[in-house]
Amino acid sequence: MYLTPKSGLLLLVSCVSAIAAVGCVFELTSGQPDLGNQNTAIILAVSIPLTVLAFLAAVRDAKDNME
């Protein structure tokens, strides 16, 4: 098993931010987001790159610990 605590935490961050992104998309398409359009759009704009970056960092950390 190559999962380290660091890569596990990064995967957790990636999953939570992906869930936030999907939730923001649903909120924005519903017409009346609970947090308002601007706040929901900001959360969406932050969560998408965070998802990708955290996932790539987790993969890189796991790959570095394979040896």
N, C-alpha and C. Protein backbone atom coordinates (compact mmCIF):
# COMPACT_ATOMS: atom_id res chain seq x y z
N MET A 1 0.85 -1.18 0.00
CA MET A 1 0.00 0.00 0.00
C MET A 1 0.89 1.23 0.00
N TYR A 2 0.61 2.16 -0.88
CA TYR A 2 1.44 3.34 -1.05
C TYR A 2 0.79 4.60 -0.49
N LEU A 3 -0.32 4.45 0.16
CA LEU A 3 -1.03 5.61 0.70
C LEU A 3 -0.35 6.07 1.99
N THR A 4 0.16 7.29 1.96
CA THR A 4 0.77 7.86 3.15
C THR A 4 -0.24 8.80 3.80
N PRO A 5 -0.01 9.21 5.03
CA PRO A 5 -0.95 10.18 5.63
C PRO A 5 -1.08 11.46 4.81
N LYS A 6 0.03 11.90 4.24
CA LYS A 6 -0.01 13.12 3.42
C LYS A 6 -0.88 12.92 2.18
N SER A 7 -0.67 11.81 1.47
CA SER A 7 -1.46 11.58 0.26
C SER A 7 -2.92 11.31 0.60
N GLY A 8 -3.17 10.67 1.75
CA GLY A 8 -4.55 10.46 2.17
C GLY A 8 -5.26 11.77 2.48
N LEU A 9 -4.55 12.68 3.14
CA LEU A 9 -5.13 13.99 3.44
C LEU A 9 -5.39 14.78 2.16
N LEU A 10 -4.46 14.70 1.22
CA LEU A 10 -4.65 15.39 -0.06
C LEU A 10 -5.84 14.81 -0.83
N LEU A 11 -6.01 13.50 -0.77
CA LEU A 11 -7.18 12.89 -1.42
C LEU A 11 -8.47 13.32 -0.75
N LEU A 12 -8.45 13.45 0.57
CA LEU A 12 -9.62 13.93 1.30
C LEU A 12 -9.98 15.35 0.87
N VAL A 13 -8.97 16.21 0.78
CA VAL A 13 -9.20 17.59 0.33
C VAL A 13 -9.76 17.60 -1.09
N SER A 14 -9.21 16.76 -1.95
CA SER A 14 -9.67 16.68 -3.33
C SER A 14 -11.14 16.24 -3.40
N CYS A 15 -11.50 15.25 -2.62
CA CYS A 15 -12.88 14.75 -2.62
C CYS A 15 -13.86 15.79 -2.09
N VAL A 16 -13.50 16.44 -0.99
CA VAL A 16 -14.40 17.43 -0.40
C VAL A 16 -14.57 18.62 -1.34
N SER A 17 -13.48 19.06 -1.97
CA SER A 17 -13.61 20.20 -2.88
C SER A 17 -14.38 19.81 -4.15
N ALA A 18 -14.26 18.58 -4.59
CA ALA A 18 -15.06 18.13 -5.74
C ALA A 18 -16.55 18.11 -5.39
N ILE A 19 -16.87 17.65 -4.19
CA ILE A 19 -18.27 17.66 -3.75
C ILE A 19 -18.79 19.09 -3.66
N ALA A 20 -17.95 20.01 -3.17
CA ALA A 20 -18.34 21.42 -3.09
C ALA A 20 -18.59 22.00 -4.48
N ALA A 21 -17.75 21.63 -5.44
CA ALA A 21 -17.92 22.12 -6.80
C ALA A 21 -19.24 21.64 -7.40
N VAL A 22 -19.54 20.36 -7.22
CA VAL A 22 -20.80 19.82 -7.74
C VAL A 22 -21.99 20.50 -7.07
N GLY A 23 -21.90 20.69 -5.76
CA GLY A 23 -22.97 21.37 -5.05
C GLY A 23 -23.17 22.79 -5.53
N CYS A 24 -22.08 23.48 -5.81
CA CYS A 24 -22.18 24.86 -6.32
C CYS A 24 -22.84 24.91 -7.69
N VAL A 25 -22.51 23.94 -8.53
CA VAL A 25 -23.13 23.89 -9.86
C VAL A 25 -24.64 23.71 -9.70
N PHE A 26 -25.05 22.80 -8.84
CA PHE A 26 -26.48 22.59 -8.62
C PHE A 26 -27.14 23.83 -8.03
N GLU A 27 -26.47 24.48 -7.09
CA GLU A 27 -27.03 25.69 -6.49
C GLU A 27 -27.18 26.80 -7.52
N LEU A 28 -26.17 26.99 -8.36
CA LEU A 28 -26.23 28.06 -9.35
C LEU A 28 -27.29 27.78 -10.42
N THR A 29 -27.49 26.52 -10.78
CA THR A 29 -28.50 26.22 -11.79
C THR A 29 -29.91 26.21 -11.22
N SER A 30 -30.03 26.17 -9.90
CA SER A 30 -31.37 26.16 -9.31
C SER A 30 -32.03 27.54 -9.38
N GLY A 31 -31.22 28.58 -9.54
CA GLY A 31 -31.78 29.92 -9.66
C GLY A 31 -31.61 30.77 -8.42
N GLN A 32 -31.72 30.22 -7.25
CA GLN A 32 -31.59 30.96 -5.99
C GLN A 32 -30.64 30.25 -5.04
N PRO A 33 -29.32 30.45 -5.20
CA PRO A 33 -28.37 29.81 -4.28
C PRO A 33 -28.55 30.32 -2.86
N ASP A 34 -28.39 29.44 -1.89
CA ASP A 34 -28.55 29.81 -0.49
C ASP A 34 -27.55 30.87 -0.05
N LEU A 35 -26.34 30.81 -0.57
CA LEU A 35 -25.29 31.76 -0.18
C LEU A 35 -25.22 32.97 -1.10
N GLY A 36 -26.06 33.02 -2.11
CA GLY A 36 -26.03 34.10 -3.09
C GLY A 36 -25.20 33.70 -4.29
N ASN A 37 -25.44 34.37 -5.40
CA ASN A 37 -24.75 34.02 -6.64
C ASN A 37 -23.25 34.27 -6.56
N GLN A 38 -22.86 35.41 -6.01
CA GLN A 38 -21.44 35.76 -5.98
C GLN A 38 -20.64 34.81 -5.08
N ASN A 39 -21.11 34.56 -3.88
CA ASN A 39 -20.40 33.66 -2.97
C ASN A 39 -20.30 32.25 -3.52
N THR A 40 -21.38 31.77 -4.10
CA THR A 40 -21.39 30.42 -4.66
C THR A 40 -20.44 30.33 -5.85
N ALA A 41 -20.40 31.36 -6.68
CA ALA A 41 -19.48 31.37 -7.81
C ALA A 41 -18.03 31.42 -7.35
N ILE A 42 -17.76 32.13 -6.29
CA ILE A 42 -16.39 32.19 -5.74
C ILE A 42 -15.98 30.81 -5.22
N ILE A 43 -16.88 30.16 -4.49
CA ILE A 43 -16.58 28.81 -3.98
C ILE A 43 -16.33 27.86 -5.14
N LEU A 44 -17.13 27.96 -6.19
CA LEU A 44 -16.94 27.11 -7.37
C LEU A 44 -15.60 27.39 -8.03
N ALA A 45 -15.24 28.66 -8.16
CA ALA A 45 -13.99 29.03 -8.82
C ALA A 45 -12.77 28.58 -8.02
N VAL A 46 -12.89 28.49 -6.72
CA VAL A 46 -11.78 28.03 -5.89
C VAL A 46 -11.73 26.50 -5.83
N SER A 47 -12.88 25.87 -5.78
CA SER A 47 -12.91 24.42 -5.56
C SER A 47 -12.47 23.61 -6.77
N ILE A 48 -12.69 24.11 -7.97
CA ILE A 48 -12.29 23.34 -9.16
C ILE A 48 -10.76 23.20 -9.25
N PRO A 49 -10.00 24.31 -9.20
CA PRO A 49 -8.55 24.12 -9.25
C PRO A 49 -8.00 23.39 -8.02
N LEU A 50 -8.63 23.61 -6.86
CA LEU A 50 -8.18 22.92 -5.64
C LEU A 50 -8.34 21.42 -5.79
N THR A 51 -9.44 20.98 -6.40
CA THR A 51 -9.67 19.55 -6.63
C THR A 51 -8.55 18.96 -7.48
N VAL A 52 -8.25 19.61 -8.57
CA VAL A 52 -7.22 19.10 -9.49
C VAL A 52 -5.84 19.12 -8.83
N LEU A 53 -5.49 20.23 -8.21
CA LEU A 53 -4.17 20.35 -7.60
C LEU A 53 -3.97 19.37 -6.45
N ALA A 54 -4.97 19.21 -5.61
CA ALA A 54 -4.85 18.28 -4.49
C ALA A 54 -4.74 16.83 -4.99
N PHE A 55 -5.50 16.49 -6.02
CA PHE A 55 -5.43 15.14 -6.57
C PHE A 55 -4.05 14.87 -7.17
N LEU A 56 -3.55 15.81 -7.95
CA LEU A 56 -2.24 15.62 -8.56
C LEU A 56 -1.14 15.54 -7.51
N ALA A 57 -1.25 16.34 -6.45
CA ALA A 57 -0.27 16.28 -5.37
C ALA A 57 -0.33 14.94 -4.65
N ALA A 58 -1.52 14.41 -4.46
CA ALA A 58 -1.67 13.11 -3.81
C ALA A 58 -1.06 11.99 -4.65
N VAL A 59 -1.28 12.04 -5.94
CA VAL A 59 -0.71 11.03 -6.84
C VAL A 59 0.81 11.15 -6.85
N ARG A 60 1.31 12.37 -6.90
CA ARG A 60 2.75 12.57 -6.89
C ARG A 60 3.37 12.06 -5.58
N ASP A 61 2.73 12.33 -4.45
CA ASP A 61 3.25 11.88 -3.17
C ASP A 61 3.24 10.35 -3.10
N ALA A 62 2.19 9.74 -3.56
CA ALA A 62 2.11 8.26 -3.55
C ALA A 62 3.16 7.66 -4.47
N LYS A 63 3.35 8.29 -5.63
CA LYS A 63 4.35 7.79 -6.57
C LYS A 63 5.76 7.92 -5.99
N ASP A 64 6.02 9.01 -5.29
CA ASP A 64 7.34 9.21 -4.67
C ASP A 64 7.62 8.19 -3.57
N ASN A 65 6.58 7.70 -2.93
CA ASN A 65 6.75 6.75 -1.83
C ASN A 65 6.68 5.29 -2.28
N MET A 66 6.60 5.04 -3.55
CA MET A 66 6.56 3.66 -4.05
C MET A 66 7.89 2.96 -3.87
N GLU A 67 8.96 3.68 -3.86
CA GLU A 67 10.28 3.07 -3.82
C GLU A 67 10.76 2.84 -2.42
